[in-house]
């Protein structure tokens, strides 16, 4: 009898444990809002020379790898940018998993060249 009780307790306990990442639903609207916030955050910072420009991978494709790259001025708060990018990428990975999203598995190339133009960092192709 006690073995059955312990076994039942273990099963119920294990079933009630959820991964908090997967337990939190992520909507497409959530992702769009986070991406808009990321872009607005990056856009608030200006540059005066090419050496102030950089890029960072963001997002998570269903097959893995980044969704793309954000070009930004290094005058932005880098710690905050990294936190925002990590949060967005994690949310997108969760969304992809929750919705069975598939992708073409191509990996976008980072910008070949970036420069400061009219006070903003841009990718040059």
PDB file of N, CA and C in Angstrom:
ATOM      1  N   UNK A   1       0.823  -1.191   0.000  1.00  0.00           N
ATOM      2  CA  UNK A   1       0.000   0.000   0.000  1.00  0.00           C
ATOM      3  C   UNK A   1       0.869   1.258   0.000  1.00  0.00           C
ATOM      4  N   UNK A   2       1.924   1.294   0.845  1.00  0.00           N
ATOM      5  CA  UNK A   2       2.738   2.503   0.915  1.00  0.00           C
ATOM      6  C   UNK A   2       3.527   2.696  -0.380  1.00  0.00           C
ATOM      7  N   UNK A   3       3.962   1.596  -1.023  1.00  0.00           N
ATOM      8  CA  UNK A   3       4.659   1.715  -2.296  1.00  0.00           C
ATOM      9  C   UNK A   3       3.742   2.333  -3.341  1.00  0.00           C
ATOM     10  N   UNK A   4       2.494   1.929  -3.391  1.00  0.00           N
ATOM     11  CA  UNK A   4       1.528   2.487  -4.338  1.00  0.00           C
ATOM     12  C   UNK A   4       1.334   3.976  -4.091  1.00  0.00           C
ATOM     13  N   UNK A   5       1.259   4.363  -2.829  1.00  0.00           N
ATOM     14  CA  UNK A   5       1.079   5.771  -2.476  1.00  0.00           C
ATOM     15  C   UNK A   5       2.289   6.595  -2.916  1.00  0.00           C
ATOM     16  N   UNK A   6       3.492   6.101  -2.649  1.00  0.00           N
ATOM     17  CA  UNK A   6       4.709   6.812  -3.033  1.00  0.00           C
ATOM     18  C   UNK A   6       4.791   6.920  -4.552  1.00  0.00           C
ATOM     19  N   UNK A   7       4.486   5.839  -5.244  1.00  0.00           N
ATOM     20  CA  UNK A   7       4.519   5.840  -6.697  1.00  0.00           C
ATOM     21  C   UNK A   7       3.509   6.837  -7.263  1.00  0.00           C
ATOM     22  N   UNK A   8       2.291   6.838  -6.729  1.00  0.00           N
ATOM     23  CA  UNK A   8       1.253   7.762  -7.165  1.00  0.00           C
ATOM     24  C   UNK A   8       1.683   9.206  -6.899  1.00  0.00           C
ATOM     25  N   UNK A   9       2.262   9.450  -5.723  1.00  0.00           N
ATOM     26  CA  UNK A   9       2.736  10.787  -5.378  1.00  0.00           C
ATOM     27  C   UNK A   9       3.805  11.249  -6.377  1.00  0.00           C
ATOM     28  N   UNK A  10       4.725  10.346  -6.715  1.00  0.00           N
ATOM     29  CA  UNK A  10       5.784  10.678  -7.663  1.00  0.00           C
ATOM     30  C   UNK A  10       5.204  11.022  -9.032  1.00  0.00           C
ATOM     31  N   UNK A  11       4.263  10.237  -9.502  1.00  0.00           N
ATOM     32  CA  UNK A  11       3.646  10.470 -10.810  1.00  0.00           C
ATOM     33  C   UNK A  11       2.914  11.807 -10.828  1.00  0.00           C
ATOM     34  N   UNK A  12       2.137  12.094  -9.803  1.00  0.00           N
ATOM     35  CA  UNK A  12       1.397  13.355  -9.732  1.00  0.00           C
ATOM     36  C   UNK A  12       2.366  14.530  -9.657  1.00  0.00           C
ATOM     37  N   UNK A  13       3.419  14.376  -8.868  1.00  0.00           N
ATOM     38  CA  UNK A  13       4.411  15.447  -8.742  1.00  0.00           C
ATOM     39  C   UNK A  13       5.111  15.706 -10.066  1.00  0.00           C
ATOM     40  N   UNK A  14       5.498  14.663 -10.740  1.00  0.00           N
ATOM     41  CA  UNK A  14       6.193  14.811 -12.015  1.00  0.00           C
ATOM     42  C   UNK A  14       5.281  15.435 -13.065  1.00  0.00           C
ATOM     43  N   UNK A  15       4.030  15.062 -13.063  1.00  0.00           N
ATOM     44  CA  UNK A  15       3.088  15.593 -14.038  1.00  0.00           C
ATOM     45  C   UNK A  15       2.805  17.072 -13.802  1.00  0.00           C
ATOM     46  N   UNK A  16       2.901  17.513 -12.565  1.00  0.00           N
ATOM     47  CA  UNK A  16       2.602  18.912 -12.269  1.00  0.00           C
ATOM     48  C   UNK A  16       3.777  19.834 -12.549  1.00  0.00           C
ATOM     49  N   UNK A  17       4.970  19.273 -12.740  1.00  0.00           N
ATOM     50  CA  UNK A  17       6.140  20.092 -13.055  1.00  0.00           C
ATOM     51  C   UNK A  17       6.073  20.493 -14.516  1.00  0.00           C
ATOM     52  N   UNK A  18       6.227  21.787 -14.772  1.00  0.00           N
ATOM     53  CA  UNK A  18       6.235  22.266 -16.140  1.00  0.00           C
ATOM     54  C   UNK A  18       7.444  23.143 -16.341  1.00  0.00           C
ATOM     55  N   UNK A  19       7.958  23.097 -17.513  1.00  0.00           N
ATOM     56  CA  UNK A  19       9.027  24.008 -17.882  1.00  0.00           C
ATOM     57  C   UNK A  19       8.413  25.395 -17.997  1.00  0.00           C
ATOM     58  N   UNK A  20       8.930  26.355 -17.246  1.00  0.00           N
ATOM     59  CA  UNK A  20       8.322  27.682 -17.238  1.00  0.00           C
ATOM     60  C   UNK A  20       8.398  28.345 -18.603  1.00  0.00           C
ATOM     61  N   UNK A  21       9.408  28.029 -19.417  1.00  0.00           N
ATOM     62  CA  UNK A  21       9.493  28.602 -20.754  1.00  0.00           C
ATOM     63  C   UNK A  21       8.327  28.139 -21.615  1.00  0.00           C
ATOM     64  N   UNK A  22       8.032  26.861 -21.556  1.00  0.00           N
ATOM     65  CA  UNK A  22       6.966  26.322 -22.375  1.00  0.00           C
ATOM     66  C   UNK A  22       5.597  26.627 -21.795  1.00  0.00           C
ATOM     67  N   UNK A  23       5.514  26.810 -20.480  1.00  0.00           N
ATOM     68  CA  UNK A  23       4.233  27.078 -19.845  1.00  0.00           C
ATOM     69  C   UNK A  23       3.734  28.467 -20.219  1.00  0.00           C
ATOM     70  N   UNK A  24       4.638  29.369 -20.523  1.00  0.00           N
ATOM     71  CA  UNK A  24       4.257  30.724 -20.876  1.00  0.00           C
ATOM     72  C   UNK A  24       3.980  30.790 -22.370  1.00  0.00           C
ATOM     73  N   UNK A  25       2.747  31.113 -22.726  1.00  0.00           N
ATOM     74  CA  UNK A  25       2.405  31.224 -24.136  1.00  0.00           C
ATOM     75  C   UNK A  25       2.972  32.506 -24.714  1.00  0.00           C
ATOM     76  N   UNK A  26       3.473  32.425 -25.916  1.00  0.00           N
ATOM     77  CA  UNK A  26       4.006  33.581 -26.621  1.00  0.00           C
ATOM     78  C   UNK A  26       3.180  33.746 -27.890  1.00  0.00           C
ATOM     79  N   UNK A  27       2.638  34.932 -28.088  1.00  0.00           N
ATOM     80  CA  UNK A  27       1.841  35.187 -29.285  1.00  0.00           C
ATOM     81  C   UNK A  27       2.683  35.909 -30.331  1.00  0.00           C
ATOM     82  N   UNK A  28       2.199  35.885 -31.549  1.00  0.00           N
ATOM     83  CA  UNK A  28       2.868  36.604 -32.625  1.00  0.00           C
ATOM     84  C   UNK A  28       2.891  38.097 -32.306  1.00  0.00           C
ATOM     85  N   UNK A  29       1.830  38.580 -31.689  1.00  0.00           N
ATOM     86  CA  UNK A  29       1.769  39.991 -31.295  1.00  0.00           C
ATOM     87  C   UNK A  29       2.862  40.317 -30.272  1.00  0.00           C
ATOM     88  N   UNK A  30       3.101  39.403 -29.326  1.00  0.00           N
ATOM     89  CA  UNK A  30       4.185  39.596 -28.349  1.00  0.00           C
ATOM     90  C   UNK A  30       5.526  39.754 -29.069  1.00  0.00           C
ATOM     91  N   UNK A  31       5.770  38.871 -30.034  1.00  0.00           N
ATOM     92  CA  UNK A  31       7.034  38.925 -30.779  1.00  0.00           C
ATOM     93  C   UNK A  31       7.165  40.228 -31.562  1.00  0.00           C
ATOM     94  N   UNK A  32       6.077  40.630 -32.212  1.00  0.00           N
ATOM     95  CA  UNK A  32       6.109  41.869 -32.989  1.00  0.00           C
ATOM     96  C   UNK A  32       6.390  43.069 -32.097  1.00  0.00           C
ATOM     97  N   UNK A  33       5.763  43.099 -30.916  1.00  0.00           N
ATOM     98  CA  UNK A  33       5.983  44.205 -29.982  1.00  0.00           C
ATOM     99  C   UNK A  33       7.424  44.224 -29.476  1.00  0.00           C
ATOM    100  N   UNK A  34       7.957  43.058 -29.163  1.00  0.00           N
ATOM    101  CA  UNK A  34       9.343  42.991 -28.693  1.00  0.00           C
ATOM    102  C   UNK A  34      10.321  43.426 -29.788  1.00  0.00           C
ATOM    103  N   UNK A  35      10.057  43.018 -31.024  1.00  0.00           N
ATOM    104  CA  UNK A  35      10.941  43.398 -32.128  1.00  0.00           C
ATOM    105  C   UNK A  35      10.863  44.904 -32.385  1.00  0.00           C
ATOM    106  N   UNK A  36       9.656  45.467 -32.305  1.00  0.00           N
ATOM    107  CA  UNK A  36       9.502  46.917 -32.459  1.00  0.00           C
ATOM    108  C   UNK A  36      10.259  47.654 -31.360  1.00  0.00           C
ATOM    109  N   UNK A  37      10.178  47.150 -30.132  1.00  0.00           N
ATOM    110  CA  UNK A  37      10.894  47.765 -29.009  1.00  0.00           C
ATOM    111  C   UNK A  37      12.403  47.675 -29.220  1.00  0.00           C
ATOM    112  N   UNK A  38      12.863  46.543 -29.715  1.00  0.00           N
ATOM    113  CA  UNK A  38      14.289  46.372 -30.022  1.00  0.00           C
ATOM    114  C   UNK A  38      14.747  47.386 -31.068  1.00  0.00           C
ATOM    115  N   UNK A  39      13.978  47.493 -32.135  1.00  0.00           N
ATOM    116  CA  UNK A  39      14.343  48.421 -33.208  1.00  0.00           C
ATOM    117  C   UNK A  39      14.319  49.861 -32.707  1.00  0.00           C
ATOM    118  N   UNK A  40      13.315  50.220 -31.920  1.00  0.00           N
ATOM    119  CA  UNK A  40      13.229  51.573 -31.367  1.00  0.00           C
ATOM    120  C   UNK A  40      14.414  51.855 -30.445  1.00  0.00           C
ATOM    121  N   UNK A  41      14.807  50.864 -29.657  1.00  0.00           N
ATOM    122  CA  UNK A  41      15.941  51.017 -28.746  1.00  0.00           C
ATOM    123  C   UNK A  41      17.224  51.278 -29.536  1.00  0.00           C
ATOM    124  N   UNK A  42      17.427  50.522 -30.595  1.00  0.00           N
ATOM    125  CA  UNK A  42      18.613  50.675 -31.436  1.00  0.00           C
ATOM    126  C   UNK A  42      18.580  52.025 -32.165  1.00  0.00           C
ATOM    127  N   UNK A  43      17.407  52.423 -32.629  1.00  0.00           N
ATOM    128  CA  UNK A  43      17.267  53.659 -33.402  1.00  0.00           C
ATOM    129  C   UNK A  43      17.512  54.918 -32.579  1.00  0.00           C
ATOM    130  N   UNK A  44      17.419  54.819 -31.262  1.00  0.00           N
ATOM    131  CA  UNK A  44      17.585  56.008 -30.420  1.00  0.00           C
ATOM    132  C   UNK A  44      19.033  56.478 -30.333  1.00  0.00           C
ATOM    133  N   UNK A  45      19.960  55.650 -30.738  1.00  0.00           N
ATOM    134  CA  UNK A  45      21.379  55.963 -30.604  1.00  0.00           C
ATOM    135  C   UNK A  45      21.971  56.387 -31.944  1.00  0.00           C
ATOM    136  N   UNK A  46      22.778  57.427 -31.918  1.00  0.00           N
ATOM    137  CA  UNK A  46      23.385  57.962 -33.134  1.00  0.00           C
ATOM    138  C   UNK A  46      24.868  57.621 -33.214  1.00  0.00           C
ATOM    139  N   UNK A  47      25.407  57.819 -34.405  1.00  0.00           N
ATOM    140  CA  UNK A  47      26.838  57.620 -34.628  1.00  0.00           C
ATOM    141  C   UNK A  47      27.410  58.849 -35.323  1.00  0.00           C
ATOM    142  N   UNK A  48      28.717  58.989 -35.245  1.00  0.00           N
ATOM    143  CA  UNK A  48      29.414  60.059 -35.968  1.00  0.00           C
ATOM    144  C   UNK A  48      30.515  59.494 -36.863  1.00  0.00           C
ATOM    145  N   UNK A  49      30.849  58.226 -36.650  1.00  0.00           N
ATOM    146  CA  UNK A  49      31.889  57.590 -37.469  1.00  0.00           C
ATOM    147  C   UNK A  49      31.612  56.092 -37.607  1.00  0.00           C
ATOM    148  N   UNK A  50      32.168  55.496 -38.643  1.00  0.00           N
ATOM    149  CA  UNK A  50      31.936  54.078 -38.935  1.00  0.00           C
ATOM    150  C   UNK A  50      32.348  53.161 -37.792  1.00  0.00           C
ATOM    151  N   UNK A  51      33.383  53.529 -37.073  1.00  0.00           N
ATOM    152  CA  UNK A  51      33.876  52.666 -35.985  1.00  0.00           C
ATOM    153  C   UNK A  51      32.875  52.539 -34.837  1.00  0.00           C
ATOM    154  N   UNK A  52      31.854  53.365 -34.832  1.00  0.00           N
ATOM    155  CA  UNK A  52      30.823  53.290 -33.795  1.00  0.00           C
ATOM    156  C   UNK A  52      29.686  52.357 -34.197  1.00  0.00           C
ATOM    157  N   UNK A  53      29.806  51.692 -35.314  1.00  0.00           N
ATOM    158  CA  UNK A  53      28.737  50.815 -35.801  1.00  0.00           C
ATOM    159  C   UNK A  53      29.097  49.346 -35.603  1.00  0.00           C
ATOM    160  N   UNK A  54      28.088  48.578 -35.248  1.00  0.00           N
ATOM    161  CA  UNK A  54      28.263  47.142 -35.057  1.00  0.00           C
ATOM    162  C   UNK A  54      26.941  46.455 -35.386  1.00  0.00           C
ATOM    163  N   UNK A  55      26.895  45.147 -35.192  1.00  0.00           N
ATOM    164  CA  UNK A  55      25.657  44.397 -35.406  1.00  0.00           C
ATOM    165  C   UNK A  55      25.584  43.261 -34.402  1.00  0.00           C
ATOM    166  N   UNK A  56      24.362  42.767 -34.220  1.00  0.00           N
ATOM    167  CA  UNK A  56      24.127  41.661 -33.293  1.00  0.00           C
ATOM    168  C   UNK A  56      23.067  40.747 -33.898  1.00  0.00           C
ATOM    169  N   UNK A  57      23.276  39.448 -33.766  1.00  0.00           N
ATOM    170  CA  UNK A  57      22.288  38.471 -34.230  1.00  0.00           C
ATOM    171  C   UNK A  57      21.091  38.517 -33.290  1.00  0.00           C
ATOM    172  N   UNK A  58      19.894  38.354 -33.850  1.00  0.00           N
ATOM    173  CA  UNK A  58      18.685  38.327 -33.027  1.00  0.00           C
ATOM    174  C   UNK A  58      17.733  37.259 -33.545  1.00  0.00           C
ATOM    175  N   UNK A  59      16.830  36.837 -32.676  1.00  0.00           N
ATOM    176  CA  UNK A  59      15.807  35.877 -33.060  1.00  0.00           C
ATOM    177  C   UNK A  59      16.324  34.456 -33.122  1.00  0.00           C
ATOM    178  N   UNK A  60      15.391  33.551 -33.358  1.00  0.00           N
ATOM    179  CA  UNK A  60      15.713  32.134 -33.448  1.00  0.00           C
ATOM    180  C   UNK A  60      14.858  31.506 -34.537  1.00  0.00           C
ATOM    181  N   UNK A  61      15.486  31.014 -35.578  1.00  0.00           N
ATOM    182  CA  UNK A  61      14.746  30.307 -36.623  1.00  0.00           C
ATOM    183  C   UNK A  61      14.382  28.917 -36.107  1.00  0.00           C
ATOM    184  N   UNK A  62      13.357  28.352 -36.665  1.00  0.00           N
ATOM    185  CA  UNK A  62      12.877  27.044 -36.209  1.00  0.00           C
ATOM    186  C   UNK A  62      13.956  25.962 -36.327  1.00  0.00           C
ATOM    187  N   UNK A  63      14.795  26.047 -37.331  1.00  0.00           N
ATOM    188  CA  UNK A  63      15.878  25.068 -37.509  1.00  0.00           C
ATOM    189  C   UNK A  63      17.110  25.412 -36.687  1.00  0.00           C
ATOM    190  N   UNK A  64      17.087  26.556 -36.047  1.00  0.00           N
ATOM    191  CA  UNK A  64      18.247  27.033 -35.303  1.00  0.00           C
ATOM    192  C   UNK A  64      18.900  28.189 -36.031  1.00  0.00           C
ATOM    193  N   UNK A  65      19.757  28.856 -35.348  1.00  0.00           N
ATOM    194  CA  UNK A  65      20.428  30.015 -35.924  1.00  0.00           C
ATOM    195  C   UNK A  65      19.594  31.267 -35.783  1.00  0.00           C
ATOM    196  N   UNK A  66      20.196  32.411 -36.049  1.00  0.00           N
ATOM    197  CA  UNK A  66      19.491  33.680 -35.881  1.00  0.00           C
ATOM    198  C   UNK A  66      18.499  33.952 -37.004  1.00  0.00           C
ATOM    199  N   UNK A  67      17.517  34.777 -36.694  1.00  0.00           N
ATOM    200  CA  UNK A  67      16.544  35.221 -37.685  1.00  0.00           C
ATOM    201  C   UNK A  67      17.162  36.293 -38.581  1.00  0.00           C
ATOM    202  N   UNK A  68      18.025  37.107 -37.979  1.00  0.00           N
ATOM    203  CA  UNK A  68      18.647  38.196 -38.724  1.00  0.00           C
ATOM    204  C   UNK A  68      19.648  38.935 -37.861  1.00  0.00           C
ATOM    205  N   UNK A  69      19.993  40.126 -38.301  1.00  0.00           N
ATOM    206  CA  UNK A  69      20.984  40.938 -37.599  1.00  0.00           C
ATOM    207  C   UNK A  69      20.481  42.368 -37.463  1.00  0.00           C
ATOM    208  N   UNK A  70      20.681  42.930 -36.287  1.00  0.00           N
ATOM    209  CA  UNK A  70      20.372  44.334 -36.046  1.00  0.00           C
ATOM    210  C   UNK A  70      21.667  45.124 -36.135  1.00  0.00           C
ATOM    211  N   UNK A  71      21.661  46.175 -36.918  1.00  0.00           N
ATOM    212  CA  UNK A  71      22.804  47.076 -37.018  1.00  0.00           C
ATOM    213  C   UNK A  71      22.540  48.213 -36.044  1.00  0.00           C
ATOM    214  N   UNK A  72      23.553  48.591 -35.281  1.00  0.00           N
ATOM    215  CA  UNK A  72      23.342  49.599 -34.239  1.00  0.00           C
ATOM    216  C   UNK A  72      24.607  50.393 -33.972  1.00  0.00           C
ATOM    217  N   UNK A  73      24.423  51.519 -33.300  1.00  0.00           N
ATOM    218  CA  UNK A  73      25.547  52.329 -32.857  1.00  0.00           C
ATOM    219  C   UNK A  73      26.016  51.811 -31.508  1.00  0.00           C
ATOM    220  N   UNK A  74      27.309  51.741 -31.324  1.00  0.00           N
ATOM    221  CA  UNK A  74      27.857  51.273 -30.047  1.00  0.00           C
ATOM    222  C   UNK A  74      27.636  52.288 -28.927  1.00  0.00           C
ATOM    223  N   UNK A  75      27.030  53.422 -29.250  1.00  0.00           N
ATOM    224  CA  UNK A  75      26.659  54.392 -28.221  1.00  0.00           C
ATOM    225  C   UNK A  75      25.414  53.958 -27.452  1.00  0.00           C
ATOM    226  N   UNK A  76      24.777  52.898 -27.895  1.00  0.00           N
ATOM    227  CA  UNK A  76      23.605  52.357 -27.209  1.00  0.00           C
ATOM    228  C   UNK A  76      24.068  51.626 -25.945  1.00  0.00           C
ATOM    229  N   UNK A  77      23.178  51.456 -24.987  1.00  0.00           N
ATOM    230  CA  UNK A  77      23.486  50.689 -23.772  1.00  0.00           C
ATOM    231  C   UNK A  77      23.600  49.213 -24.167  1.00  0.00           C
ATOM    232  N   UNK A  78      24.826  48.737 -24.318  1.00  0.00           N
ATOM    233  CA  UNK A  78      25.071  47.374 -24.806  1.00  0.00           C
ATOM    234  C   UNK A  78      24.498  46.303 -23.890  1.00  0.00           C
ATOM    235  N   UNK A  79      24.601  46.503 -22.586  1.00  0.00           N
ATOM    236  CA  UNK A  79      24.063  45.507 -21.654  1.00  0.00           C
ATOM    237  C   UNK A  79      22.561  45.366 -21.833  1.00  0.00           C
ATOM    238  N   UNK A  80      21.870  46.488 -21.948  1.00  0.00           N
ATOM    239  CA  UNK A  80      20.418  46.460 -22.141  1.00  0.00           C
ATOM    240  C   UNK A  80      20.067  45.832 -23.484  1.00  0.00           C
ATOM    241  N   UNK A  81      20.828  46.153 -24.515  1.00  0.00           N
ATOM    242  CA  UNK A  81      20.576  45.574 -25.837  1.00  0.00           C
ATOM    243  C   UNK A  81      20.712  44.056 -25.794  1.00  0.00           C
ATOM    244  N   UNK A  82      21.751  43.561 -25.156  1.00  0.00           N
ATOM    245  CA  UNK A  82      21.957  42.110 -25.060  1.00  0.00           C
ATOM    246  C   UNK A  82      20.821  41.432 -24.309  1.00  0.00           C
ATOM    247  N   UNK A  83      20.328  42.069 -23.262  1.00  0.00           N
ATOM    248  CA  UNK A  83      19.202  41.518 -22.499  1.00  0.00           C
ATOM    249  C   UNK A  83      17.953  41.464 -23.378  1.00  0.00           C
ATOM    250  N   UNK A  84      17.693  42.546 -24.095  1.00  0.00           N
ATOM    251  CA  UNK A  84      16.507  42.600 -24.959  1.00  0.00           C
ATOM    252  C   UNK A  84      16.583  41.573 -26.082  1.00  0.00           C
ATOM    253  N   UNK A  85      17.756  41.420 -26.681  1.00  0.00           N
ATOM    254  CA  UNK A  85      17.937  40.449 -27.765  1.00  0.00           C
ATOM    255  C   UNK A  85      17.760  39.028 -27.236  1.00  0.00           C
ATOM    256  N   UNK A  86      18.324  38.742 -26.077  1.00  0.00           N
ATOM    257  CA  UNK A  86      18.193  37.401 -25.484  1.00  0.00           C
ATOM    258  C   UNK A  86      16.735  37.096 -25.167  1.00  0.00           C
ATOM    259  N   UNK A  87      16.020  38.081 -24.634  1.00  0.00           N
ATOM    260  CA  UNK A  87      14.600  37.889 -24.302  1.00  0.00           C
ATOM    261  C   UNK A  87      13.791  37.628 -25.572  1.00  0.00           C
ATOM    262  N   UNK A  88      14.040  38.408 -26.613  1.00  0.00           N
ATOM    263  CA  UNK A  88      13.328  38.222 -27.872  1.00  0.00           C
ATOM    264  C   UNK A  88      13.639  36.854 -28.476  1.00  0.00           C
ATOM    265  N   UNK A  89      14.896  36.500 -28.508  1.00  0.00           N
ATOM    266  CA  UNK A  89      15.303  35.223 -29.102  1.00  0.00           C
ATOM    267  C   UNK A  89      14.691  34.043 -28.360  1.00  0.00           C
ATOM    268  N   UNK A  90      14.656  34.126 -27.045  1.00  0.00           N
ATOM    269  CA  UNK A  90      14.056  33.062 -26.235  1.00  0.00           C
ATOM    270  C   UNK A  90      12.549  32.985 -26.494  1.00  0.00           C
ATOM    271  N   UNK A  91      11.898  34.139 -26.579  1.00  0.00           N
ATOM    272  CA  UNK A  91      10.455  34.163 -26.844  1.00  0.00           C
ATOM    273  C   UNK A  91      10.152  33.590 -28.222  1.00  0.00           C
ATOM    274  N   UNK A  92      10.978  33.918 -29.205  1.00  0.00           N
ATOM    275  CA  UNK A  92      10.742  33.392 -30.547  1.00  0.00           C
ATOM    276  C   UNK A  92      10.952  31.881 -30.596  1.00  0.00           C
ATOM    277  N   UNK A  93      11.944  31.377 -29.893  1.00  0.00           N
ATOM    278  CA  UNK A  93      12.166  29.927 -29.837  1.00  0.00           C
ATOM    279  C   UNK A  93      10.960  29.236 -29.207  1.00  0.00           C
ATOM    280  N   UNK A  94      10.428  29.833 -28.151  1.00  0.00           N
ATOM    281  CA  UNK A  94       9.242  29.275 -27.491  1.00  0.00           C
ATOM    282  C   UNK A  94       8.048  29.302 -28.433  1.00  0.00           C
ATOM    283  N   UNK A  95       7.846  30.421 -29.114  1.00  0.00           N
ATOM    284  CA  UNK A  95       6.744  30.552 -30.069  1.00  0.00           C
ATOM    285  C   UNK A  95       6.863  29.496 -31.168  1.00  0.00           C
ATOM    286  N   UNK A  96       8.057  29.339 -31.711  1.00  0.00           N
ATOM    287  CA  UNK A  96       8.275  28.350 -32.772  1.00  0.00           C
ATOM    288  C   UNK A  96       7.910  26.950 -32.302  1.00  0.00           C
ATOM    289  N   UNK A  97       8.326  26.614 -31.095  1.00  0.00           N
ATOM    290  CA  UNK A  97       8.056  25.280 -30.551  1.00  0.00           C
ATOM    291  C   UNK A  97       6.569  25.092 -30.275  1.00  0.00           C
ATOM    292  N   UNK A  98       5.938  26.095 -29.678  1.00  0.00           N
ATOM    293  CA  UNK A  98       4.519  26.001 -29.333  1.00  0.00           C
ATOM    294  C   UNK A  98       3.633  25.866 -30.566  1.00  0.00           C
ATOM    295  N   UNK A  99       4.051  26.463 -31.669  1.00  0.00           N
ATOM    296  CA  UNK A  99       3.211  26.510 -32.860  1.00  0.00           C
ATOM    297  C   UNK A  99       3.686  25.609 -33.993  1.00  0.00           C
ATOM    298  N   UNK A 100       4.680  24.785 -33.720  1.00  0.00           N
ATOM    299  CA  UNK A 100       5.169  23.861 -34.740  1.00  0.00           C
ATOM    300  C   UNK A 100       5.694  24.573 -35.981  1.00  0.00           C
ATOM    301  N   UNK A 101       6.311  25.715 -35.772  1.00  0.00           N
ATOM    302  CA  UNK A 101       6.821  26.511 -36.889  1.00  0.00           C
ATOM    303  C   UNK A 101       7.984  25.778 -37.561  1.00  0.00           C
ATOM    304  N   UNK A 102       7.995  25.830 -38.874  1.00  0.00           N
ATOM    305  CA  UNK A 102       9.117  25.286 -39.636  1.00  0.00           C
ATOM    306  C   UNK A 102       9.757  26.438 -40.412  1.00  0.00           C
ATOM    307  N   UNK A 103      11.000  26.269 -40.777  1.00  0.00           N
ATOM    308  CA  UNK A 103      11.659  27.307 -41.567  1.00  0.00           C
ATOM    309  C   UNK A 103      12.472  26.660 -42.672  1.00  0.00           C
ATOM    310  N   UNK A 104      13.044  27.498 -43.507  1.00  0.00           N
ATOM    311  CA  UNK A 104      13.823  26.995 -44.633  1.00  0.00           C
ATOM    312  C   UNK A 104      15.234  26.552 -44.228  1.00  0.00           C
ATOM    313  N   UNK A 105      15.575  26.727 -42.974  1.00  0.00           N
ATOM    314  CA  UNK A 105      16.861  26.305 -42.413  1.00  0.00           C
ATOM    315  C   UNK A 105      18.065  27.043 -42.999  1.00  0.00           C
ATOM    316  N   UNK A 106      17.807  28.083 -43.779  1.00  0.00           N
ATOM    317  CA  UNK A 106      18.930  28.896 -44.250  1.00  0.00           C
ATOM    318  C   UNK A 106      19.395  29.780 -43.098  1.00  0.00           C
ATOM    319  N   UNK A 107      20.655  30.082 -43.103  1.00  0.00           N
ATOM    320  CA  UNK A 107      21.204  30.941 -42.058  1.00  0.00           C
ATOM    321  C   UNK A 107      21.539  32.280 -42.700  1.00  0.00           C
ATOM    322  N   UNK A 108      20.896  33.350 -42.217  1.00  0.00           N
ATOM    323  CA  UNK A 108      21.186  34.653 -42.818  1.00  0.00           C
ATOM    324  C   UNK A 108      22.638  35.060 -42.573  1.00  0.00           C
ATOM    325  N   UNK A 109      23.228  35.656 -43.573  1.00  0.00           N
ATOM    326  CA  UNK A 109      24.617  36.110 -43.452  1.00  0.00           C
ATOM    327  C   UNK A 109      24.657  37.427 -42.687  1.00  0.00           C
ATOM    328  N   UNK A 110      25.661  37.598 -41.866  1.00  0.00           N
ATOM    329  CA  UNK A 110      25.811  38.893 -41.195  1.00  0.00           C
ATOM    330  C   UNK A 110      26.129  39.972 -42.229  1.00  0.00           C
ATOM    331  N   UNK A 111      25.900  41.211 -41.886  1.00  0.00           N
ATOM    332  CA  UNK A 111      26.211  42.287 -42.838  1.00  0.00           C
ATOM    333  C   UNK A 111      27.685  42.237 -43.258  1.00  0.00           C
ATOM    334  N   UNK A 112      27.929  42.381 -44.535  1.00  0.00           N
ATOM    335  CA  UNK A 112      29.301  42.375 -45.054  1.00  0.00           C
ATOM    336  C   UNK A 112      30.029  43.663 -44.695  1.00  0.00           C
ATOM    337  N   UNK A 113      29.257  44.742 -44.653  1.00  0.00           N
ATOM    338  CA  UNK A 113      29.840  46.039 -44.350  1.00  0.00           C
ATOM    339  C   UNK A 113      28.785  46.897 -43.660  1.00  0.00           C
ATOM    340  N   UNK A 114      29.211  47.661 -42.691  1.00  0.00           N
ATOM    341  CA  UNK A 114      28.312  48.592 -42.012  1.00  0.00           C
ATOM    342  C   UNK A 114      28.995  49.948 -41.942  1.00  0.00           C
ATOM    343  N   UNK A 115      28.173  50.988 -41.957  1.00  0.00           N
ATOM    344  CA  UNK A 115      28.759  52.323 -41.903  1.00  0.00           C
ATOM    345  C   UNK A 115      27.805  53.287 -41.219  1.00  0.00           C
ATOM    346  N   UNK A 116      28.353  54.425 -40.841  1.00  0.00           N
ATOM    347  CA  UNK A 116      27.580  55.506 -40.254  1.00  0.00           C
ATOM    348  C   UNK A 116      27.165  56.440 -41.389  1.00  0.00           C
ATOM    349  N   UNK A 117      25.876  56.624 -41.548  1.00  0.00           N
ATOM    350  CA  UNK A 117      25.357  57.493 -42.599  1.00  0.00           C
ATOM    351  C   UNK A 117      24.273  58.388 -42.010  1.00  0.00           C
ATOM    352  N   UNK A 118      24.478  59.669 -42.074  1.00  0.00           N
ATOM    353  CA  UNK A 118      23.523  60.642 -41.526  1.00  0.00           C
ATOM    354  C   UNK A 118      23.196  60.360 -40.066  1.00  0.00           C
ATOM    355  N   UNK A 119      24.195  59.974 -39.303  1.00  0.00           N
ATOM    356  CA  UNK A 119      24.023  59.765 -37.870  1.00  0.00           C
ATOM    357  C   UNK A 119      23.453  58.415 -37.475  1.00  0.00           C
ATOM    358  N   UNK A 120      23.203  57.551 -38.452  1.00  0.00           N
ATOM    359  CA  UNK A 120      22.648  56.222 -38.170  1.00  0.00           C
ATOM    360  C   UNK A 120      23.541  55.144 -38.767  1.00  0.00           C
ATOM    361  N   UNK A 121      23.652  54.042 -38.066  1.00  0.00           N
ATOM    362  CA  UNK A 121      24.418  52.902 -38.570  1.00  0.00           C
ATOM    363  C   UNK A 121      23.541  52.102 -39.522  1.00  0.00           C
ATOM    364  N   UNK A 122      24.098  51.760 -40.671  1.00  0.00           N
ATOM    365  CA  UNK A 122      23.347  51.001 -41.666  1.00  0.00           C
ATOM    366  C   UNK A 122      24.219  49.890 -42.241  1.00  0.00           C
ATOM    367  N   UNK A 123      23.550  48.856 -42.739  1.00  0.00           N
ATOM    368  CA  UNK A 123      24.244  47.781 -43.450  1.00  0.00           C
ATOM    369  C   UNK A 123      24.413  48.212 -44.898  1.00  0.00           C
ATOM    370  N   UNK A 124      25.571  47.909 -45.461  1.00  0.00           N
ATOM    371  CA  UNK A 124      25.859  48.240 -46.850  1.00  0.00           C
ATOM    372  C   UNK A 124      26.061  46.927 -47.592  1.00  0.00           C
ATOM    373  N   UNK A 125      25.294  46.731 -48.634  1.00  0.00           N
ATOM    374  CA  UNK A 125      25.419  45.486 -49.410  1.00  0.00           C
ATOM    375  C   UNK A 125      26.208  45.683 -50.664  1.00  0.00           C
TER     376      UNK A 125
END
